[in-house]
Amino acid sequence: MVSVPNVKLNSGKLIPAVGLGVWKTPQNVASEIVPKALDAGYRHVDSAAVYKNEQEVSEAIAAWLKKNPSVKREDIFYTS
């Protein structure tokens, strides 16, 4: 897994500098690529209601976390 630098937000929270954006990603594709990105080391996923794939993305993250119990939910930065 590649180490990605973090950026410190004004709140003090750290966010990975590189994230997976799912704009224009169809729902069925989003549910397939999110686990692959998490497997590859991504810990930041960017979505939005207007993308119409939030549910698939969040379900994919939840399913991936169940299969990878060593990673905690707070380790994934999901923006929406």
N, C-alpha and C. Protein backbone atom coordinates (compact mmCIF):
# COMPACT_ATOMS: atom_id res chain seq x y z
N MET A 1 0.84 -1.18 0.00
CA MET A 1 0.00 0.00 0.00
C MET A 1 0.89 1.24 0.00
N VAL A 2 0.53 2.22 -0.81
CA VAL A 2 1.27 3.47 -0.93
C VAL A 2 0.86 4.40 0.20
N SER A 3 1.83 5.08 0.78
CA SER A 3 1.54 6.06 1.83
C SER A 3 1.16 7.39 1.18
N VAL A 4 0.01 7.91 1.56
CA VAL A 4 -0.48 9.17 1.02
C VAL A 4 -0.39 10.23 2.11
N PRO A 5 0.17 11.40 1.80
CA PRO A 5 0.26 12.44 2.82
C PRO A 5 -1.12 12.98 3.19
N ASN A 6 -1.22 13.47 4.41
CA ASN A 6 -2.46 14.08 4.88
C ASN A 6 -2.34 15.59 4.87
N VAL A 7 -3.48 16.24 4.82
CA VAL A 7 -3.58 17.69 4.92
C VAL A 7 -4.36 17.97 6.19
N LYS A 8 -3.87 18.90 6.99
CA LYS A 8 -4.56 19.25 8.23
C LYS A 8 -5.60 20.33 7.94
N LEU A 9 -6.85 20.05 8.30
CA LEU A 9 -7.94 21.01 8.12
C LEU A 9 -7.95 22.00 9.28
N ASN A 10 -8.69 23.10 9.12
CA ASN A 10 -8.80 24.10 10.19
C ASN A 10 -9.34 23.50 11.48
N SER A 11 -10.12 22.44 11.36
CA SER A 11 -10.69 21.77 12.53
C SER A 11 -9.64 20.94 13.28
N GLY A 12 -8.48 20.75 12.66
CA GLY A 12 -7.46 19.91 13.24
C GLY A 12 -7.50 18.49 12.71
N LYS A 13 -8.59 18.12 12.05
CA LYS A 13 -8.75 16.78 11.47
C LYS A 13 -7.81 16.63 10.27
N LEU A 14 -7.28 15.44 10.09
CA LEU A 14 -6.43 15.15 8.94
C LEU A 14 -7.24 14.48 7.85
N ILE A 15 -7.02 14.90 6.61
CA ILE A 15 -7.69 14.32 5.46
C ILE A 15 -6.62 13.89 4.45
N PRO A 16 -6.75 12.68 3.89
CA PRO A 16 -5.78 12.27 2.88
C PRO A 16 -5.77 13.25 1.70
N ALA A 17 -4.57 13.57 1.24
CA ALA A 17 -4.42 14.53 0.15
C ALA A 17 -4.93 14.00 -1.18
N VAL A 18 -5.01 12.67 -1.30
CA VAL A 18 -5.49 12.05 -2.54
C VAL A 18 -6.74 11.24 -2.20
N GLY A 19 -7.77 11.41 -3.00
CA GLY A 19 -9.00 10.67 -2.76
C GLY A 19 -9.62 10.18 -4.07
N LEU A 20 -10.54 9.25 -3.92
CA LEU A 20 -11.28 8.74 -5.07
C LEU A 20 -12.53 9.59 -5.25
N GLY A 21 -12.67 10.20 -6.40
CA GLY A 21 -13.87 10.95 -6.73
C GLY A 21 -14.79 10.09 -7.58
N VAL A 22 -16.07 10.11 -7.27
CA VAL A 22 -17.01 9.25 -7.99
C VAL A 22 -18.03 10.04 -8.81
N TRP A 23 -17.68 11.27 -9.17
CA TRP A 23 -18.55 12.08 -10.01
C TRP A 23 -18.72 11.38 -11.36
N LYS A 24 -19.93 11.34 -11.84
CA LYS A 24 -20.30 10.70 -13.11
C LYS A 24 -20.07 9.19 -13.11
N THR A 25 -19.95 8.60 -11.93
CA THR A 25 -19.77 7.16 -11.84
C THR A 25 -21.14 6.52 -11.63
N PRO A 26 -21.56 5.66 -12.54
CA PRO A 26 -22.86 4.99 -12.37
C PRO A 26 -22.91 4.21 -11.06
N GLN A 27 -24.11 4.04 -10.54
CA GLN A 27 -24.29 3.38 -9.25
C GLN A 27 -23.64 2.00 -9.21
N ASN A 28 -23.89 1.18 -10.22
CA ASN A 28 -23.34 -0.17 -10.21
C ASN A 28 -21.81 -0.17 -10.31
N VAL A 29 -21.26 0.80 -10.98
CA VAL A 29 -19.81 0.89 -11.10
C VAL A 29 -19.21 1.39 -9.78
N ALA A 30 -19.87 2.35 -9.15
CA ALA A 30 -19.38 2.88 -7.87
C ALA A 30 -19.27 1.77 -6.84
N SER A 31 -20.27 0.91 -6.80
CA SER A 31 -20.25 -0.18 -5.81
C SER A 31 -19.13 -1.18 -6.09
N GLU A 32 -18.63 -1.21 -7.31
CA GLU A 32 -17.52 -2.11 -7.66
C GLU A 32 -16.15 -1.47 -7.45
N ILE A 33 -16.02 -0.17 -7.76
CA ILE A 33 -14.70 0.45 -7.70
C ILE A 33 -14.30 0.90 -6.30
N VAL A 34 -15.27 1.24 -5.46
CA VAL A 34 -14.92 1.72 -4.12
C VAL A 34 -14.14 0.66 -3.34
N PRO A 35 -14.60 -0.60 -3.28
CA PRO A 35 -13.79 -1.60 -2.56
C PRO A 35 -12.40 -1.80 -3.17
N LYS A 36 -12.31 -1.70 -4.48
CA LYS A 36 -11.00 -1.85 -5.13
C LYS A 36 -10.08 -0.70 -4.75
N ALA A 37 -10.63 0.50 -4.68
CA ALA A 37 -9.83 1.66 -4.29
C ALA A 37 -9.38 1.53 -2.83
N LEU A 38 -10.28 1.07 -1.96
CA LEU A 38 -9.92 0.87 -0.56
C LEU A 38 -8.86 -0.21 -0.43
N ASP A 39 -8.96 -1.27 -1.22
CA ASP A 39 -7.94 -2.32 -1.24
C ASP A 39 -6.59 -1.76 -1.66
N ALA A 40 -6.61 -0.81 -2.59
CA ALA A 40 -5.38 -0.21 -3.10
C ALA A 40 -4.77 0.80 -2.14
N GLY A 41 -5.51 1.15 -1.07
CA GLY A 41 -4.96 2.07 -0.08
C GLY A 41 -5.65 3.41 0.02
N TYR A 42 -6.61 3.68 -0.84
CA TYR A 42 -7.36 4.93 -0.73
C TYR A 42 -8.07 4.95 0.61
N ARG A 43 -8.06 6.09 1.27
CA ARG A 43 -8.79 6.26 2.53
C ARG A 43 -9.65 7.52 2.50
N HIS A 44 -9.83 8.06 1.31
CA HIS A 44 -10.67 9.25 1.11
C HIS A 44 -11.53 8.99 -0.12
N VAL A 45 -12.84 9.09 0.06
CA VAL A 45 -13.78 8.91 -1.06
C VAL A 45 -14.68 10.13 -1.08
N ASP A 46 -14.79 10.76 -2.23
CA ASP A 46 -15.60 11.96 -2.39
C ASP A 46 -16.83 11.66 -3.23
N SER A 47 -17.99 11.94 -2.67
CA SER A 47 -19.26 11.76 -3.36
C SER A 47 -20.12 13.00 -3.11
N ALA A 48 -21.33 13.00 -3.61
CA ALA A 48 -22.28 14.08 -3.37
C ALA A 48 -23.67 13.61 -3.77
N ALA A 49 -24.68 14.18 -3.16
CA ALA A 49 -26.06 13.80 -3.46
C ALA A 49 -26.36 13.95 -4.95
N VAL A 50 -25.84 14.99 -5.55
CA VAL A 50 -26.10 15.24 -6.96
C VAL A 50 -25.51 14.14 -7.86
N TYR A 51 -24.53 13.38 -7.35
CA TYR A 51 -23.95 12.30 -8.14
C TYR A 51 -24.88 11.09 -8.23
N LYS A 52 -25.84 11.01 -7.32
CA LYS A 52 -26.83 9.93 -7.29
C LYS A 52 -26.20 8.55 -7.11
N ASN A 53 -25.10 8.50 -6.35
CA ASN A 53 -24.47 7.22 -6.06
C ASN A 53 -24.03 7.12 -4.60
N GLU A 54 -24.51 8.03 -3.77
CA GLU A 54 -24.11 8.05 -2.36
C GLU A 54 -24.44 6.73 -1.64
N GLN A 55 -25.60 6.21 -1.87
CA GLN A 55 -26.01 4.99 -1.17
C GLN A 55 -25.08 3.84 -1.54
N GLU A 56 -24.80 3.68 -2.82
CA GLU A 56 -23.93 2.59 -3.27
C GLU A 56 -22.52 2.76 -2.71
N VAL A 57 -22.03 3.99 -2.70
CA VAL A 57 -20.69 4.24 -2.17
C VAL A 57 -20.64 3.93 -0.68
N SER A 58 -21.61 4.43 0.08
CA SER A 58 -21.59 4.19 1.53
C SER A 58 -21.77 2.72 1.86
N GLU A 59 -22.62 2.02 1.10
CA GLU A 59 -22.79 0.58 1.33
C GLU A 59 -21.52 -0.19 0.99
N ALA A 60 -20.82 0.24 -0.05
CA ALA A 60 -19.57 -0.41 -0.44
C ALA A 60 -18.50 -0.20 0.64
N ILE A 61 -18.45 1.00 1.20
CA ILE A 61 -17.50 1.27 2.28
C ILE A 61 -17.83 0.39 3.48
N ALA A 62 -19.10 0.34 3.87
CA ALA A 62 -19.52 -0.46 5.02
C ALA A 62 -19.19 -1.94 4.82
N ALA A 63 -19.47 -2.47 3.63
CA ALA A 63 -19.18 -3.87 3.35
C ALA A 63 -17.67 -4.13 3.39
N TRP A 64 -16.90 -3.21 2.85
CA TRP A 64 -15.45 -3.37 2.84
C TRP A 64 -14.91 -3.35 4.28
N LEU A 65 -15.43 -2.47 5.10
CA LEU A 65 -14.99 -2.41 6.50
C LEU A 65 -15.29 -3.70 7.24
N LYS A 66 -16.43 -4.33 6.93
CA LYS A 66 -16.76 -5.62 7.57
C LYS A 66 -15.74 -6.69 7.20
N LYS A 67 -15.27 -6.65 5.96
CA LYS A 67 -14.29 -7.63 5.49
C LYS A 67 -12.87 -7.30 5.95
N ASN A 68 -12.67 -6.07 6.41
CA ASN A 68 -11.34 -5.60 6.81
C ASN A 68 -11.41 -4.99 8.22
N PRO A 69 -11.63 -5.82 9.23
CA PRO A 69 -11.85 -5.30 10.59
C PRO A 69 -10.66 -4.58 11.20
N SER A 70 -9.48 -4.70 10.60
CA SER A 70 -8.32 -3.97 11.13
C SER A 70 -8.39 -2.48 10.78
N VAL A 71 -9.25 -2.12 9.82
CA VAL A 71 -9.45 -0.71 9.46
C VAL A 71 -10.72 -0.23 10.13
N LYS A 72 -10.62 0.90 10.80
CA LYS A 72 -11.77 1.46 11.50
C LYS A 72 -12.50 2.46 10.61
N ARG A 73 -13.77 2.67 10.88
CA ARG A 73 -14.56 3.64 10.11
C ARG A 73 -13.91 5.01 10.12
N GLU A 74 -13.35 5.40 11.27
CA GLU A 74 -12.73 6.73 11.36
C GLU A 74 -11.46 6.85 10.53
N ASP A 75 -10.97 5.72 10.01
CA ASP A 75 -9.81 5.75 9.12
C ASP A 75 -10.19 6.12 7.68
N ILE A 76 -11.49 6.07 7.39
CA ILE A 76 -11.99 6.39 6.04
C ILE A 76 -12.59 7.78 6.08
N PHE A 77 -12.11 8.67 5.23
CA PHE A 77 -12.65 10.03 5.14
C PHE A 77 -13.62 10.04 3.96
N TYR A 78 -14.92 10.05 4.27
CA TYR A 78 -15.95 10.03 3.24
C TYR A 78 -16.61 11.39 3.19
N THR A 79 -16.41 12.09 2.10
CA THR A 79 -17.01 13.42 1.94
C THR A 79 -18.20 13.31 1.02
N SER A 80 -19.25 14.03 1.38
CA SER A 80 -20.47 13.98 0.59
C SER A 80 -21.21 15.31 0.72
